[in-house]
N, C-alpha and C. Protein backbone atom coordinates (compact mmCIF):
# COMPACT_ATOMS: atom_id res chain seq x y z
N MET A 1 145.20 109.80 91.84
CA MET A 1 146.52 110.15 92.34
C MET A 1 146.61 109.78 93.83
N ALA A 2 147.71 109.18 94.22
CA ALA A 2 147.91 108.74 95.60
C ALA A 2 148.33 109.92 96.49
N LEU A 3 148.13 109.77 97.77
CA LEU A 3 148.54 110.78 98.73
C LEU A 3 150.05 110.71 98.92
N ASN A 4 150.68 111.87 99.11
CA ASN A 4 152.10 111.87 99.44
C ASN A 4 152.25 111.74 100.96
N ILE A 5 153.47 111.62 101.43
CA ILE A 5 153.72 111.38 102.86
C ILE A 5 153.17 112.51 103.73
N LYS A 6 153.37 113.76 103.33
CA LYS A 6 152.86 114.88 104.12
C LYS A 6 151.33 114.82 104.21
N GLU A 7 150.67 114.54 103.09
CA GLU A 7 149.21 114.45 103.10
C GLU A 7 148.74 113.32 104.01
N MET A 8 149.43 112.18 103.96
CA MET A 8 149.05 111.06 104.82
C MET A 8 149.17 111.45 106.30
N GLN A 9 150.23 112.16 106.65
CA GLN A 9 150.41 112.59 108.03
C GLN A 9 149.32 113.58 108.44
N GLN A 10 148.97 114.49 107.54
CA GLN A 10 147.95 115.48 107.85
C GLN A 10 146.57 114.83 108.00
N VAL A 11 146.23 113.93 107.09
CA VAL A 11 144.94 113.26 107.15
C VAL A 11 144.87 112.37 108.39
N GLN A 12 145.93 111.68 108.71
CA GLN A 12 145.95 110.85 109.92
C GLN A 12 145.75 111.71 111.16
N ALA A 13 146.44 112.84 111.26
CA ALA A 13 146.28 113.74 112.40
C ALA A 13 144.85 114.27 112.49
N TYR A 14 144.26 114.59 111.35
CA TYR A 14 142.89 115.06 111.31
C TYR A 14 141.92 113.99 111.83
N LEU A 15 142.06 112.76 111.34
CA LEU A 15 141.17 111.68 111.77
C LEU A 15 141.35 111.36 113.25
N ARG A 16 142.58 111.36 113.72
CA ARG A 16 142.83 111.10 115.14
C ARG A 16 142.16 112.16 116.01
N ASN A 17 142.28 113.41 115.60
CA ASN A 17 141.66 114.50 116.34
C ASN A 17 140.13 114.42 116.26
N LEU A 18 139.60 114.19 115.08
CA LEU A 18 138.17 114.13 114.87
C LEU A 18 137.50 113.04 115.70
N PHE A 19 138.12 111.84 115.71
CA PHE A 19 137.53 110.70 116.41
C PHE A 19 138.09 110.50 117.83
N GLY A 20 139.03 111.35 118.24
CA GLY A 20 139.54 111.32 119.60
C GLY A 20 140.32 110.07 119.96
N THR A 21 141.10 109.56 119.02
CA THR A 21 141.91 108.37 119.31
C THR A 21 143.20 108.37 118.50
N ASP A 22 144.27 107.95 119.14
CA ASP A 22 145.55 107.81 118.45
C ASP A 22 145.71 106.42 117.84
N ARG A 23 144.67 105.59 117.92
CA ARG A 23 144.73 104.23 117.37
C ARG A 23 144.50 104.21 115.87
N ILE A 24 144.10 105.35 115.28
CA ILE A 24 143.89 105.40 113.83
C ILE A 24 145.23 105.56 113.14
N ASN A 25 145.49 104.69 112.17
CA ASN A 25 146.72 104.74 111.39
C ASN A 25 146.40 104.62 109.92
N ILE A 26 147.14 105.35 109.10
CA ILE A 26 147.00 105.18 107.66
C ILE A 26 148.37 104.84 107.08
N LYS A 27 148.35 104.04 106.03
CA LYS A 27 149.59 103.65 105.37
C LYS A 27 149.35 103.59 103.87
N ALA A 28 150.42 103.70 103.12
CA ALA A 28 150.33 103.66 101.67
C ALA A 28 149.77 102.33 101.20
N GLY A 29 148.99 102.39 100.11
CA GLY A 29 148.47 101.17 99.50
C GLY A 29 149.56 100.43 98.75
N GLN A 30 149.20 99.33 98.13
CA GLN A 30 150.18 98.46 97.48
C GLN A 30 150.72 99.02 96.16
N GLY A 31 149.88 99.65 95.35
CA GLY A 31 150.32 100.13 94.05
C GLY A 31 150.61 101.62 94.04
N LYS A 32 151.18 102.08 92.94
CA LYS A 32 151.56 103.49 92.81
C LYS A 32 150.38 104.43 93.00
N ASP A 33 149.25 104.14 92.41
CA ASP A 33 148.08 105.00 92.52
C ASP A 33 147.00 104.41 93.42
N SER A 34 147.39 103.48 94.29
CA SER A 34 146.43 102.86 95.20
C SER A 34 146.03 103.84 96.30
N PRO A 35 144.82 103.67 96.81
CA PRO A 35 144.42 104.51 97.95
C PRO A 35 145.20 104.11 99.19
N VAL A 36 145.26 105.01 100.17
CA VAL A 36 145.90 104.66 101.44
C VAL A 36 144.93 103.81 102.25
N GLU A 37 145.47 102.98 103.11
CA GLU A 37 144.68 102.08 103.93
C GLU A 37 144.53 102.66 105.33
N VAL A 38 143.33 102.57 105.87
CA VAL A 38 143.03 103.10 107.20
C VAL A 38 142.76 101.94 108.14
N SER A 39 143.36 101.99 109.31
CA SER A 39 143.10 100.96 110.31
C SER A 39 142.93 101.60 111.68
N VAL A 40 142.23 100.89 112.55
CA VAL A 40 142.12 101.25 113.96
C VAL A 40 142.74 100.09 114.70
N GLY A 41 143.88 100.37 115.32
CA GLY A 41 144.65 99.27 115.90
C GLY A 41 145.11 98.37 114.77
N ASP A 42 144.80 97.08 114.88
CA ASP A 42 145.18 96.11 113.84
C ASP A 42 144.05 95.85 112.85
N GLU A 43 142.89 96.49 113.04
CA GLU A 43 141.74 96.20 112.18
C GLU A 43 141.63 97.19 111.01
N PHE A 44 141.71 96.66 109.80
CA PHE A 44 141.52 97.45 108.59
C PHE A 44 140.07 97.92 108.55
N ILE A 45 139.86 99.25 108.32
CA ILE A 45 138.48 99.75 108.28
C ILE A 45 138.10 100.43 106.97
N GLY A 46 139.07 100.80 106.14
CA GLY A 46 138.70 101.46 104.89
C GLY A 46 139.89 102.02 104.14
N VAL A 47 139.56 102.83 103.14
CA VAL A 47 140.60 103.44 102.29
C VAL A 47 140.30 104.92 102.10
N ILE A 48 141.35 105.66 101.76
CA ILE A 48 141.21 107.08 101.45
C ILE A 48 141.79 107.32 100.06
N TYR A 49 140.99 108.00 99.24
CA TYR A 49 141.41 108.39 97.90
C TYR A 49 141.65 109.90 97.87
N ARG A 50 142.61 110.31 97.09
CA ARG A 50 142.87 111.74 96.86
C ARG A 50 142.15 112.12 95.58
N ASP A 51 141.36 113.19 95.64
CA ASP A 51 140.62 113.66 94.48
C ASP A 51 141.06 115.08 94.14
N PHE A 52 141.27 115.33 92.86
CA PHE A 52 141.66 116.66 92.40
C PHE A 52 140.70 117.05 91.29
N GLU A 53 139.84 118.02 91.57
CA GLU A 53 138.83 118.43 90.60
C GLU A 53 138.69 119.94 90.63
N GLU A 54 138.72 120.54 89.46
CA GLU A 54 138.57 121.98 89.29
C GLU A 54 139.55 122.77 90.17
N GLY A 55 140.77 122.27 90.27
CA GLY A 55 141.81 122.96 91.02
C GLY A 55 141.75 122.77 92.52
N GLU A 56 140.83 121.93 93.01
CA GLU A 56 140.67 121.70 94.45
C GLU A 56 141.02 120.26 94.80
N VAL A 57 141.70 120.07 95.91
CA VAL A 57 142.05 118.75 96.41
C VAL A 57 141.08 118.38 97.53
N SER A 58 140.62 117.14 97.53
CA SER A 58 139.82 116.63 98.64
C SER A 58 140.22 115.18 98.87
N TYR A 59 139.83 114.66 100.02
CA TYR A 59 140.17 113.29 100.39
C TYR A 59 138.87 112.55 100.68
N ASP A 60 138.68 111.41 100.04
CA ASP A 60 137.46 110.64 100.15
C ASP A 60 137.72 109.39 100.97
N PHE A 61 137.10 109.32 102.16
CA PHE A 61 137.25 108.16 103.05
C PHE A 61 136.10 107.21 102.76
N ASN A 62 136.44 105.97 102.42
CA ASN A 62 135.44 104.95 102.08
C ASN A 62 135.57 103.81 103.07
N MET A 63 134.47 103.57 103.81
CA MET A 63 134.45 102.49 104.80
C MET A 63 133.26 101.59 104.51
N SER A 64 133.52 100.33 104.27
CA SER A 64 132.46 99.36 104.05
C SER A 64 132.13 98.67 105.36
N ILE A 65 130.84 98.52 105.64
CA ILE A 65 130.40 97.83 106.84
C ILE A 65 129.59 96.62 106.40
N LEU A 66 130.06 95.46 106.77
CA LEU A 66 129.40 94.21 106.37
C LEU A 66 128.30 93.86 107.37
N PRO A 67 127.19 93.29 106.89
CA PRO A 67 126.09 92.94 107.80
C PRO A 67 126.53 92.04 108.94
N GLU A 68 127.46 91.12 108.68
CA GLU A 68 127.89 90.21 109.75
C GLU A 68 128.72 90.89 110.83
N ASP A 69 129.18 92.13 110.56
CA ASP A 69 129.91 92.88 111.57
C ASP A 69 129.01 93.70 112.49
N LEU A 70 127.74 93.81 112.13
CA LEU A 70 126.81 94.64 112.91
C LEU A 70 126.33 93.87 114.15
N PRO A 71 126.17 94.59 115.28
CA PRO A 71 125.68 93.92 116.49
C PRO A 71 124.17 93.67 116.40
N GLU A 72 123.71 92.71 117.16
CA GLU A 72 122.27 92.45 117.26
C GLU A 72 121.66 93.54 118.13
N ILE A 73 120.50 94.02 117.73
CA ILE A 73 119.80 95.05 118.52
C ILE A 73 118.39 94.58 118.78
């Protein structure tokens, strides 16, 4: 099940507060049940799924990090 507008606003506010930046934005995905898309500025960083299990709602943030995006150490 996709997030509704109020949930998207709440999750966005939570992430902005948690990470200390207003550059985090979330927007609805392309399809009816698509996850919302998360970006920092113009860079897409992941998706959020809404999960409903045993009467409880949770939000699952999934961020993939590619090896070519990692800095040399």
